Amino acid sequence: MRLWKDNMFHLAKIIILSILDALAVWSATILFTEHKFIFLIILIFITIIINYIYLSKKAYPLRYILPGTFFMILLVVYPIIYTVYVSFTNYGTGNILTKDQVIEQLENKYYLPENTQDFSFNAYKIPDQNKYAVLLDKDDNGYLLGIDQQIEEITDNDPRLTDKNNDGTFDQINDYQILSRANLIKSLSQLQNIEYQYKDNILKMKSISLFSLYRQQYKYISAEDKIHDIKNDIFYTPADGSFASPSGEKLLPGYRSFLGWKNYIKLFTDDRVSTPFLRVFIWTFEWAIISVLSTFALGLFMAILLNDNELRFRKFYRIILILPYALPAFISVLIWRGLLNTEVGVVNQILQTLSIDKIPWLQSVFWSRFALIIINLWLGFPYMMLISLGALQSISGDLYEAAAIDGATPFQRFRYITLPLILVSLGPLLISSFAFNFNNFNVIYLFNEGGPPIVGAQTPAGGTDILISYTYRLSFESGRGSDFGLASAVSILIFMITAVITWFNFKYTGALEEVKENV
């Protein structure tokens, strides 16, 4: 029985590997034909590794590591590497395509010469099929027949033409039947995409009754790496992801190109970018530090009160104080946004009853930041309260009794016993909380989308934007389109800062363990 199971398992393994290898060969063929040689080498390498691991007895232990490693590379390592790559490019709106794709698009652009030749036409279609034919009047003695992207000169004696009514209009061309004007209008989108090569020109539909001769406007000269504008006789050369003329005019669209460190340099040297970026950068640290300190202070204060055994209704207070943490954060933020609405918000209405002017919570940078700190305090203190309660209950009461006997005041007991021992447990969590608030996108974006805007900023930066929301707006909300290259550069900076925080967390955790041993 066991031998049978082993044989079946081996057979299943061979079948699965065969399917994977077949898919790999199919993918490799596509990559080779499209000249994606780097991806082809990676595919071959991965396929060989997988086959070796699952067919070789020596690599048996690696079978259990491979799935996790694969998904780690796919979902973690690859996005990081790709983000680093994009940060060194001009990838964004207007520069999405590759250079070859841009050249192909430009070469497919045509213009209508002033003295072009026009042809009246009739369109034909095979019933219940998406196949069309076009018969164009060339002159009194002949026609141009276009079928399947091919066009030929014919006469009215061509056997394929049928005039059933003898009215001078051909009703049918083989299986193709003439379209009435109503059906012609319904088929306009298909007919407008039909092009025929004719005498070094392109025959295209000009209007509902005419086909005309168009000419190719742009021609790529591969030997000189230039685009020739045939219509205006201008040559465009590559420059920072676009084909530019000697006068500086650029052809659209542009293409992805490698910029080196330009995005990073731009963040710190271009005043139109560096000034708002610096403001966002400083506010991000202020926001994270104030958020951690305020939530920790209030949470610890509430925990000390609730840890008092003589406090009546402690369970009721705990339930009430935990509610902000129990509600979904995005709902709470939207409620706060309504409460702090400048015109109709409840908070301003209450202030007006007290003869206090309306506060521009959403229009003023100062008040928007103040409101965000209050909102984040509301959302964050219950978590700090919970973990502080757990830490307080782990501190031995004998320490407080000994300190009281020695004459220590309540403040001294808090300073020299409670706080150091609390930090031993909560220090790493406070650092993690700093990293969380450093990238706390939801609160910032849901409250006022990072606004109000910074006046004069070239990039879409707001007065309450932190780096993560600034990156999002660079990617998707820029008035000039998306700038994924610059956004990726900011993302790399965020990654580096978060990595430093993580490193400090590990180091600080070890230091706190030493403190714990000496307390």
Protein backbone atom coordinates (compact mmCIF):
# COMPACT_ATOMS: atom_id res chain seq x y z
CA MET A 1 0.00 0.00 0.00
CA ARG A 2 2.78 2.40 0.92
CA LEU A 3 4.63 1.57 -2.30
CA TRP A 4 1.47 2.31 -4.28
CA LYS A 5 1.12 5.72 -2.55
CA ASP A 6 4.76 6.52 -3.27
CA ASN A 7 4.30 5.64 -6.93
CA MET A 8 1.16 7.77 -7.21
CA PHE A 9 2.92 10.70 -5.51
CA HIS A 10 5.87 10.35 -7.87
CA LEU A 11 3.52 10.19 -10.88
CA ALA A 12 1.64 13.30 -9.71
CA LYS A 13 4.95 15.12 -9.24
CA ILE A 14 6.06 14.22 -12.77
CA ILE A 15 2.72 15.37 -14.23
CA ILE A 16 2.81 18.71 -12.40
CA LEU A 17 6.44 19.32 -13.37
CA SER A 18 5.63 18.42 -16.97
CA ILE A 19 2.80 20.97 -17.04
CA LEU A 20 5.05 23.64 -15.51
CA ASP A 21 7.83 22.84 -17.99
CA ALA A 22 5.38 23.03 -20.89
CA LEU A 23 4.18 26.43 -19.69
CA ALA A 24 7.80 27.52 -19.29
CA VAL A 25 8.63 26.48 -22.87
CA TRP A 26 5.55 28.31 -24.18
CA SER A 27 6.46 31.44 -22.18
CA ALA A 28 10.10 31.21 -23.26
CA THR A 29 9.05 31.15 -26.92
CA ILE A 30 6.99 34.33 -26.47
CA LEU A 31 9.81 36.07 -24.57
CA PHE A 32 12.33 35.11 -27.25
CA THR A 33 10.18 36.38 -30.11
CA GLU A 34 9.61 39.67 -28.25
CA HIS A 35 13.35 39.97 -27.45
CA LYS A 36 12.80 39.96 -23.67
CA PHE A 37 16.08 38.19 -23.07
CA ILE A 38 16.55 39.17 -19.42
CA PHE A 39 13.15 37.71 -18.48
CA LEU A 40 13.93 34.69 -20.66
CA ILE A 41 17.15 33.99 -18.73
CA ILE A 42 15.31 34.39 -15.41
CA LEU A 43 12.56 32.00 -16.58
CA ILE A 44 15.09 29.36 -17.68
CA PHE A 45 17.01 29.68 -14.40
CA ILE A 46 13.86 29.32 -12.27
CA THR A 47 12.63 26.34 -14.31
CA ILE A 48 15.97 24.54 -13.90
CA ILE A 49 16.00 25.23 -10.13
CA ILE A 50 12.44 23.92 -9.67
CA ASN A 51 13.16 20.74 -11.63
CA TYR A 52 16.41 20.13 -9.73
CA ILE A 53 14.80 20.62 -6.31
CA TYR A 54 11.86 18.31 -6.96
CA LEU A 55 13.75 15.63 -8.90
CA SER A 56 16.99 15.43 -6.94
CA LYS A 57 17.15 13.60 -3.60
CA LYS A 58 20.04 15.80 -2.50
CA ALA A 59 17.81 18.89 -2.63
CA TYR A 60 14.95 17.26 -0.69
CA PRO A 61 14.93 19.78 2.22
CA LEU A 62 14.64 22.69 -0.22
CA ARG A 63 11.21 21.47 -1.32
CA TYR A 64 9.69 22.90 1.86
CA ILE A 65 11.56 26.20 1.61
CA LEU A 66 10.90 26.88 -2.08
CA PRO A 67 7.15 27.84 -1.92
CA GLY A 68 7.70 30.41 0.84
CA THR A 69 10.83 31.74 -0.84
CA PHE A 70 9.02 32.04 -4.16
CA PHE A 71 6.16 34.11 -2.73
CA MET A 72 8.58 36.22 -0.68
CA ILE A 73 10.49 37.09 -3.86
CA LEU A 74 7.28 37.66 -5.82
CA LEU A 75 5.45 39.78 -3.24
CA VAL A 76 8.30 41.46 -1.35
CA VAL A 77 11.65 41.40 -3.12
CA TYR A 78 10.43 42.03 -6.67
CA PRO A 79 8.24 45.07 -5.74
CA ILE A 80 11.19 46.60 -3.89
CA ILE A 81 13.57 46.03 -6.81
CA TYR A 82 11.02 47.35 -9.32
CA THR A 83 10.33 50.43 -7.19
CA VAL A 84 14.08 51.13 -7.03
CA TYR A 85 14.28 50.78 -10.81
CA VAL A 86 11.30 53.10 -11.43
CA SER A 87 12.83 55.74 -9.13
CA PHE A 88 15.69 56.08 -11.61
CA THR A 89 13.36 56.59 -14.60
CA ASN A 90 10.90 59.19 -15.88
CA TYR A 91 8.01 56.68 -15.72
CA GLY A 92 4.72 58.59 -15.48
CA THR A 93 2.01 60.28 -17.49
CA GLY A 94 3.32 60.93 -20.99
CA ASN A 95 6.17 58.46 -20.51
CA ILE A 96 4.37 55.15 -20.04
CA LEU A 97 5.36 53.38 -23.26
CA THR A 98 8.69 51.96 -24.34
CA LYS A 99 10.71 53.69 -27.05
CA ASP A 100 9.77 51.03 -29.64
CA GLN A 101 6.08 51.45 -28.83
CA VAL A 102 6.33 55.24 -29.20
CA ILE A 103 8.08 54.89 -32.56
CA GLU A 104 5.37 52.51 -33.71
CA GLN A 105 2.64 54.96 -32.65
CA LEU A 106 4.32 57.89 -34.38
CA GLU A 107 4.82 55.95 -37.60
CA ASN A 108 1.11 55.14 -37.59
CA LYS A 109 0.16 58.81 -37.67
CA TYR A 110 -0.97 60.24 -41.03
CA TYR A 111 -1.89 63.62 -42.37
CA LEU A 112 -4.16 64.73 -45.21
CA PRO A 113 -2.24 66.55 -47.98
CA GLU A 114 -3.82 69.70 -49.43
CA ASN A 115 -4.31 68.27 -52.95
CA THR A 116 -5.24 64.77 -51.90
CA GLN A 117 -7.36 62.49 -54.05
CA ASP A 118 -10.87 61.59 -52.83
CA PHE A 119 -12.91 58.49 -53.71
CA SER A 120 -16.63 57.95 -53.24
CA PHE A 121 -17.41 54.45 -52.01
CA ASN A 122 -19.92 51.78 -51.10
CA ALA A 123 -19.37 49.50 -48.14
CA TYR A 124 -20.23 45.79 -48.03
CA LYS A 125 -20.47 43.25 -45.25
CA ILE A 126 -20.95 39.48 -44.92
CA PRO A 127 -24.17 38.95 -42.94
CA ASP A 128 -23.65 37.87 -39.31
CA GLN A 129 -19.87 38.30 -39.67
CA ASN A 130 -17.50 41.13 -38.89
CA LYS A 131 -15.97 41.18 -42.38
CA TYR A 132 -16.13 44.23 -44.61
CA ALA A 133 -15.32 45.12 -48.22
CA VAL A 134 -15.07 48.59 -49.74
CA LEU A 135 -15.64 49.46 -53.41
CA LEU A 136 -14.21 52.88 -54.35
CA ASP A 137 -14.92 54.78 -57.55
CA LYS A 138 -11.54 55.29 -59.21
CA ASP A 139 -12.68 56.78 -62.51
CA ASP A 140 -15.21 56.08 -65.23
CA ASN A 141 -13.45 52.90 -66.28
CA GLY A 142 -12.47 51.28 -63.01
CA TYR A 143 -12.80 50.77 -59.30
CA LEU A 144 -10.67 50.03 -56.27
CA LEU A 145 -11.77 46.95 -54.35
CA GLY A 146 -10.59 46.55 -50.78
CA ILE A 147 -10.99 43.20 -49.01
CA ASP A 148 -9.06 41.94 -45.94
CA GLN A 149 -6.64 44.90 -45.86
CA GLN A 150 -5.75 44.31 -49.53
CA ILE A 151 -6.76 46.66 -52.33
CA GLU A 152 -6.77 46.05 -56.08
CA GLU A 153 -7.82 47.82 -59.24
CA ILE A 154 -10.78 46.21 -61.04
CA THR A 155 -13.30 46.99 -63.77
CA ASP A 156 -17.09 46.77 -63.78
CA ASN A 157 -16.80 43.46 -65.67
CA ASP A 158 -15.21 41.73 -62.67
CA PRO A 159 -17.20 38.49 -62.05
CA ARG A 160 -17.30 39.15 -58.31
CA LEU A 161 -19.50 42.20 -58.80
CA THR A 162 -23.27 41.72 -58.99
CA ASP A 163 -25.82 44.35 -59.99
CA LYS A 164 -29.20 42.67 -59.38
CA ASN A 165 -31.35 45.73 -60.22
CA ASN A 166 -29.30 46.96 -63.18
CA ASP A 167 -29.33 50.41 -61.61
CA GLY A 168 -25.57 50.93 -61.89
CA THR A 169 -24.90 50.15 -58.25
CA PHE A 170 -23.35 46.82 -57.37
CA ASP A 171 -25.48 45.11 -54.72
CA GLN A 172 -23.12 42.28 -53.89
CA ILE A 173 -19.42 41.35 -54.04
CA ASN A 174 -19.15 37.57 -53.67
CA ASP A 175 -20.68 36.95 -50.20
CA TYR A 176 -20.48 40.61 -49.21
CA GLN A 177 -23.79 42.50 -49.37
CA ILE A 178 -24.07 46.27 -49.72
CA LEU A 179 -24.79 48.28 -46.56
CA SER A 180 -27.69 50.68 -46.47
CA ARG A 181 -26.97 54.16 -45.15
CA ALA A 182 -28.43 53.26 -41.74
CA ASN A 183 -26.24 50.14 -41.46
CA LEU A 184 -23.28 52.14 -42.76
CA ILE A 185 -23.66 54.55 -39.86
CA LYS A 186 -23.85 51.63 -37.42
CA SER A 187 -20.59 50.24 -38.82
CA LEU A 188 -18.67 53.53 -38.81
CA SER A 189 -16.34 52.52 -35.97
CA GLN A 190 -15.21 49.42 -37.91
CA LEU A 191 -14.93 51.21 -41.25
CA GLN A 192 -12.85 54.03 -39.75
CA ASN A 193 -10.22 51.49 -38.70
CA ILE A 194 -9.81 50.12 -42.23
CA GLU A 195 -6.61 51.22 -44.00
CA TYR A 196 -5.24 50.27 -47.41
CA GLN A 197 -1.74 50.79 -48.78
CA TYR A 198 -2.07 52.43 -52.21
CA LYS A 199 0.78 53.99 -54.23
CA ASP A 200 2.97 54.84 -51.24
CA ASN A 201 -0.02 56.39 -49.50
CA ILE A 202 -2.73 55.21 -47.14
CA LEU A 203 -6.38 55.06 -48.11
CA LYS A 204 -8.59 55.84 -45.11
CA MET A 205 -12.14 56.91 -44.51
CA LYS A 206 -12.40 60.70 -44.53
CA SER A 207 -16.15 61.10 -44.17
CA ILE A 208 -19.30 59.03 -44.40
CA SER A 209 -19.18 59.32 -48.19
CA LEU A 210 -15.46 59.58 -49.02
CA PHE A 211 -12.18 57.71 -48.71
CA SER A 212 -9.03 59.82 -49.17
CA LEU A 213 -5.32 59.37 -49.69
CA TYR A 214 -3.35 60.09 -46.52
CA ARG A 215 0.41 60.23 -46.12
CA GLN A 216 2.61 58.99 -43.30
CA GLN A 217 3.72 61.98 -41.21
CA TYR A 218 6.58 60.49 -39.17
CA LYS A 219 9.34 58.14 -40.26
CA TYR A 220 11.92 56.66 -37.91
CA ILE A 221 15.50 56.64 -39.20
CA SER A 222 17.09 53.83 -37.22
CA ALA A 223 20.66 54.47 -38.42
CA GLU A 224 20.57 58.01 -36.97
CA ASP A 225 18.04 57.35 -34.19
CA LYS A 226 15.85 60.22 -35.40
CA ILE A 227 12.22 60.83 -36.22
CA HIS A 228 11.61 62.68 -39.49
CA ASP A 229 8.46 64.79 -39.67
CA ILE A 230 7.77 64.42 -43.39
CA LYS A 231 4.98 67.00 -43.41
CA ASN A 232 7.07 69.82 -41.89
CA ASP A 233 10.53 68.46 -42.77
CA ILE A 234 11.73 68.54 -39.14
CA PHE A 235 14.04 66.02 -37.49
CA TYR A 236 13.46 65.02 -33.86
CA THR A 237 16.20 63.48 -31.72
CA PRO A 238 15.89 61.60 -28.36
CA ALA A 239 16.13 63.82 -25.26
CA ASP A 240 15.14 62.69 -21.73
CA GLY A 241 12.42 60.33 -22.81
CA SER A 242 11.00 62.30 -25.74
CA PHE A 243 11.79 63.06 -29.35
CA ALA A 244 12.62 66.78 -29.46
CA SER A 245 13.19 69.20 -32.34
CA PRO A 246 16.11 71.68 -32.43
CA SER A 247 13.72 74.37 -31.15
CA GLY A 248 12.80 72.24 -28.12
CA GLU A 249 9.37 71.10 -29.28
CA LYS A 250 8.64 67.54 -28.09
CA LEU A 251 6.55 64.86 -29.75
CA LEU A 252 3.88 63.12 -27.73
CA PRO A 253 3.80 60.57 -26.31
CA GLY A 254 7.21 60.27 -24.66
CA TYR A 255 8.84 57.02 -23.64
CA ARG A 256 10.40 55.54 -20.51
CA SER A 257 14.06 56.37 -20.13
CA PHE A 258 16.75 56.04 -17.47
CA LEU A 259 17.39 59.32 -15.64
CA GLY A 260 19.96 58.21 -13.09
CA TRP A 261 19.80 60.21 -9.84
CA LYS A 262 17.75 63.07 -11.33
CA ASN A 263 14.58 62.27 -9.35
CA TYR A 264 16.51 62.21 -6.07
CA ILE A 265 18.45 65.36 -6.94
CA LYS A 266 15.20 67.04 -7.92
CA LEU A 267 13.76 66.36 -4.46
CA PHE A 268 16.52 68.36 -2.79
CA THR A 269 17.64 70.96 -5.38
CA ASP A 270 14.60 72.07 -7.39
CA ASP A 271 12.94 74.75 -5.23
CA ARG A 272 9.54 74.05 -6.74
CA VAL A 273 9.83 70.44 -5.56
CA SER A 274 12.26 70.57 -2.64
CA THR A 275 10.43 73.32 -0.71
CA PRO A 276 7.09 71.45 -0.43
CA PHE A 277 8.94 68.13 -0.02
CA LEU A 278 10.97 69.51 2.90
CA ARG A 279 7.79 70.80 4.55
CA VAL A 280 6.14 67.41 4.13
CA PHE A 281 9.27 65.64 5.38
CA ILE A 282 9.52 67.74 8.58
CA TRP A 283 5.78 67.51 9.28
CA THR A 284 5.90 63.73 8.88
CA PHE A 285 8.38 63.45 11.77
CA GLU A 286 6.48 66.01 13.85
CA TRP A 287 3.24 64.14 13.21
CA ALA A 288 4.68 60.73 14.16
CA ILE A 289 6.45 62.00 17.31
CA ILE A 290 3.48 64.03 18.60
CA SER A 291 1.07 61.16 17.84
CA VAL A 292 3.16 58.62 19.77
CA LEU A 293 3.84 60.89 22.76
CA SER A 294 0.24 62.14 23.07
CA THR A 295 -1.41 58.73 22.72
CA PHE A 296 1.11 57.12 25.09
CA ALA A 297 0.74 59.86 27.69
CA LEU A 298 -3.06 59.78 27.68
CA GLY A 299 -3.17 55.98 27.46
CA LEU A 300 -0.77 55.56 30.37
CA PHE A 301 -2.68 58.13 32.43
CA MET A 302 -5.96 56.29 31.86
CA ALA A 303 -4.27 52.96 32.59
CA ILE A 304 -2.95 54.21 35.93
CA LEU A 305 -6.43 55.42 36.89
CA LEU A 306 -8.09 52.14 35.84
CA ASN A 307 -5.40 50.11 37.63
CA ASP A 308 -6.54 51.54 40.96
CA ASN A 309 -8.48 48.79 42.74
CA GLU A 310 -10.46 51.35 44.73
CA LEU A 311 -11.90 53.01 41.60
CA ARG A 312 -15.64 52.38 41.36
CA PHE A 313 -17.25 51.33 38.03
CA ARG A 314 -13.85 50.35 36.56
CA LYS A 315 -15.38 47.85 34.13
CA PHE A 316 -17.83 50.46 32.85
CA TYR A 317 -15.03 52.97 32.28
CA ARG A 318 -12.97 50.38 30.45
CA ILE A 319 -15.85 49.62 28.10
CA ILE A 320 -16.46 53.31 27.38
CA LEU A 321 -12.77 54.10 26.84
CA ILE A 322 -12.22 51.15 24.51
CA LEU A 323 -14.97 52.24 22.08
CA PRO A 324 -12.75 54.48 19.89
CA TYR A 325 -10.47 51.47 19.34
CA ALA A 326 -13.38 49.12 18.65
CA LEU A 327 -14.90 51.27 15.89
CA PRO A 328 -13.34 51.08 12.39
CA ALA A 329 -10.87 53.94 12.05
CA PHE A 330 -12.11 55.08 8.64
CA ILE A 331 -15.66 55.53 10.01
CA SER A 332 -14.39 57.50 13.00
CA VAL A 333 -12.29 59.79 10.79
CA LEU A 334 -15.23 60.53 8.49
CA ILE A 335 -17.42 61.31 11.53
CA TRP A 336 -14.76 63.69 12.83
CA ARG A 337 -14.57 65.31 9.40
CA GLY A 338 -18.29 66.03 9.60
CA LEU A 339 -18.04 67.31 13.16
CA LEU A 340 -15.23 69.69 12.22
CA ASN A 341 -16.81 70.96 9.01
CA THR A 342 -16.18 74.70 8.97
CA GLU A 343 -19.68 75.74 7.88
CA VAL A 344 -22.10 73.14 9.26
CA GLY A 345 -19.97 71.14 11.73
CA VAL A 346 -21.29 70.64 15.27
CA VAL A 347 -18.04 71.84 16.84
CA ASN A 348 -18.17 75.24 15.15
CA GLN A 349 -21.87 75.58 15.93
CA ILE A 350 -21.11 75.05 19.62
CA LEU A 351 -18.29 77.60 19.45
CA GLN A 352 -20.64 80.14 17.87
CA THR A 353 -23.11 79.75 20.73
CA LEU A 354 -20.20 80.70 23.00
CA SER A 355 -19.53 83.81 20.83
CA ILE A 356 -16.35 82.30 19.38
CA ASP A 357 -15.62 82.70 15.67
CA LYS A 358 -15.67 79.70 13.37
CA ILE A 359 -12.39 77.81 13.24
CA PRO A 360 -11.23 76.90 9.69
CA TRP A 361 -10.48 73.27 10.51
CA LEU A 362 -10.13 72.25 6.87
CA GLN A 363 -8.83 75.49 5.36
CA SER A 364 -5.99 76.42 7.72
CA VAL A 365 -2.77 74.40 7.89
CA PHE A 366 -2.37 74.99 11.63
CA TRP A 367 -5.92 74.05 12.55
CA SER A 368 -5.95 71.07 10.17
CA ARG A 369 -2.81 69.71 11.82
CA PHE A 370 -4.25 70.37 15.27
CA ALA A 371 -7.47 68.55 14.32
CA LEU A 372 -5.52 65.57 12.95
CA ILE A 373 -3.53 65.27 16.19
CA ILE A 374 -6.77 65.32 18.21
CA ILE A 375 -8.36 62.71 15.92
CA ASN A 376 -5.33 60.44 16.08
CA LEU A 377 -5.24 60.88 19.87
CA TRP A 378 -8.87 59.76 19.99
CA LEU A 379 -8.10 56.74 17.82
CA GLY A 380 -4.77 55.76 19.43
CA PHE A 381 -5.02 56.21 23.18
CA PRO A 382 -7.22 53.10 23.81
CA TYR A 383 -4.49 50.85 22.36
CA MET A 384 -1.85 52.51 24.56
CA MET A 385 -4.20 52.20 27.53
CA LEU A 386 -4.65 48.48 26.99
CA ILE A 387 -0.98 47.63 26.67
CA SER A 388 -0.12 49.94 29.57
CA LEU A 389 -2.70 48.17 31.76
CA GLY A 390 -1.09 44.84 30.99
CA ALA A 391 2.38 46.21 31.73
CA LEU A 392 1.26 47.84 35.01
CA GLN A 393 -0.25 44.61 36.26
CA SER A 394 3.05 42.82 35.68
CA ILE A 395 4.92 45.17 38.07
CA SER A 396 5.27 43.71 41.56
CA GLY A 397 3.56 45.64 44.34
CA ASP A 398 6.52 44.96 46.63
CA LEU A 399 8.54 47.54 44.71
CA TYR A 400 6.00 50.25 45.51
CA GLU A 401 5.80 49.22 49.15
CA ALA A 402 9.59 49.34 49.53
CA ALA A 403 9.69 52.74 47.85
CA ALA A 404 6.92 54.08 50.10
CA ILE A 405 8.81 52.87 53.19
CA ASP A 406 11.90 54.73 51.92
CA GLY A 407 9.79 57.89 51.73
CA ALA A 408 9.37 58.11 47.94
CA THR A 409 6.60 60.43 46.75
CA PRO A 410 3.97 59.19 44.24
CA PHE A 411 5.75 61.11 41.48
CA GLN A 412 9.11 59.55 42.42
CA ARG A 413 7.56 56.08 42.42
CA PHE A 414 6.17 56.78 38.96
CA ARG A 415 9.46 58.19 37.67
CA TYR A 416 11.85 55.58 39.06
CA ILE A 417 9.71 52.43 39.08
CA THR A 418 6.62 52.64 36.88
CA LEU A 419 8.03 54.46 33.86
CA PRO A 420 11.31 52.48 33.49
CA LEU A 421 9.54 49.12 33.83
CA ILE A 422 6.74 50.25 31.53
CA LEU A 423 9.28 51.26 28.88
CA VAL A 424 10.94 47.84 29.09
CA SER A 425 7.71 46.28 27.85
CA LEU A 426 6.35 49.10 25.75
CA GLY A 427 9.54 50.58 24.28
CA PRO A 428 9.53 48.38 21.15
CA LEU A 429 5.78 48.98 20.76
CA LEU A 430 6.29 52.74 20.94
CA ILE A 431 8.90 52.52 18.20
CA SER A 432 6.54 50.39 16.13
CA SER A 433 3.80 52.94 16.79
CA PHE A 434 6.14 55.64 15.49
CA ALA A 435 6.70 53.64 12.29
CA PHE A 436 2.93 53.10 11.96
CA ASN A 437 2.10 56.79 12.36
CA PHE A 438 4.96 57.67 10.03
CA ASN A 439 2.97 55.86 7.32
CA ASN A 440 -0.54 56.50 8.66
CA PHE A 441 -2.19 57.19 5.31
CA ASN A 442 -5.82 56.61 6.31
CA VAL A 443 -6.21 59.38 8.88
CA ILE A 444 -4.47 62.00 6.75
CA TYR A 445 -6.26 61.20 3.51
CA LEU A 446 -9.74 60.56 4.87
CA PHE A 447 -9.84 63.76 6.93
CA ASN A 448 -8.85 66.32 4.28
CA GLU A 449 -6.78 64.48 1.64
CA GLY A 450 -3.59 66.12 2.86
CA GLY A 451 -4.91 69.66 2.33
CA PRO A 452 -4.99 72.56 2.31
CA PRO A 453 -2.63 72.80 -0.68
CA ILE A 454 0.77 74.45 -0.41
CA VAL A 455 0.70 77.60 -2.53
CA GLY A 456 3.24 77.65 -5.35
CA ALA A 457 4.18 73.98 -5.09
CA GLN A 458 4.92 72.30 -8.42
CA THR A 459 4.00 68.91 -6.98
CA PRO A 460 0.59 68.15 -5.41
CA ALA A 461 1.70 68.75 -1.80
CA GLY A 462 -0.67 69.74 1.00
CA GLY A 463 -0.09 71.34 4.37
CA THR A 464 -1.00 68.14 6.26
CA ASP A 465 0.47 65.65 3.79
CA ILE A 466 2.90 63.13 5.21
CA LEU A 467 5.36 61.30 2.99
CA ILE A 468 3.06 58.36 2.26
CA SER A 469 0.07 60.53 1.26
CA TYR A 470 2.42 62.82 -0.67
CA THR A 471 3.69 59.77 -2.57
CA TYR A 472 0.13 58.67 -3.34
CA ARG A 473 -0.79 62.10 -4.67
CA LEU A 474 2.37 62.24 -6.78
CA SER A 475 1.36 58.92 -8.30
CA PHE A 476 -2.32 59.51 -8.95
CA GLU A 477 -3.45 63.08 -8.30
CA SER A 478 -0.91 65.38 -9.92
CA GLY A 479 -2.54 68.05 -12.07
CA ARG A 480 0.07 67.37 -14.77
CA GLY A 481 -0.50 63.64 -14.55
CA SER A 482 1.17 60.88 -12.58
CA ASP A 483 4.89 60.96 -11.82
CA PHE A 484 5.71 57.41 -10.77
CA GLY A 485 9.46 58.00 -10.99
CA LEU A 486 9.45 60.82 -8.42
CA ALA A 487 6.90 58.98 -6.28
CA SER A 488 9.13 55.89 -6.28
CA ALA A 489 12.08 58.02 -5.17
CA VAL A 490 10.02 59.24 -2.20
CA SER A 491 8.98 55.62 -1.51
CA ILE A 492 12.62 54.55 -1.34
CA LEU A 493 13.30 57.32 1.17
CA ILE A 494 10.34 56.12 3.27
CA PHE A 495 11.66 52.56 3.04
CA MET A 496 15.11 53.65 4.21
CA ILE A 497 13.67 55.63 7.14
CA THR A 498 11.46 52.70 8.14
CA ALA A 499 14.46 50.35 7.90
CA VAL A 500 16.43 52.63 10.25
CA ILE A 501 13.49 52.68 12.67
CA THR A 502 13.34 48.87 12.56
CA TRP A 503 17.07 48.61 13.19
CA PHE A 504 16.77 51.03 16.10
CA ASN A 505 13.85 48.99 17.43
CA PHE A 506 15.97 45.83 17.61
CA LYS A 507 18.86 47.69 19.17
CA TYR A 508 16.66 49.52 21.67
CA THR A 509 14.93 46.29 22.63
CA GLY A 510 18.28 44.81 23.62
CA ALA A 511 19.15 47.94 25.60
CA LEU A 512 15.85 47.77 27.48
CA GLU A 513 16.48 44.16 28.41
CA GLU A 514 19.71 45.30 30.04
CA VAL A 515 17.77 48.02 31.90
CA LYS A 516 15.30 45.42 33.11
CA GLU A 517 18.08 43.32 34.59
CA ASN A 518 19.39 46.31 36.58
CA VAL A 519 16.02 47.45 37.97
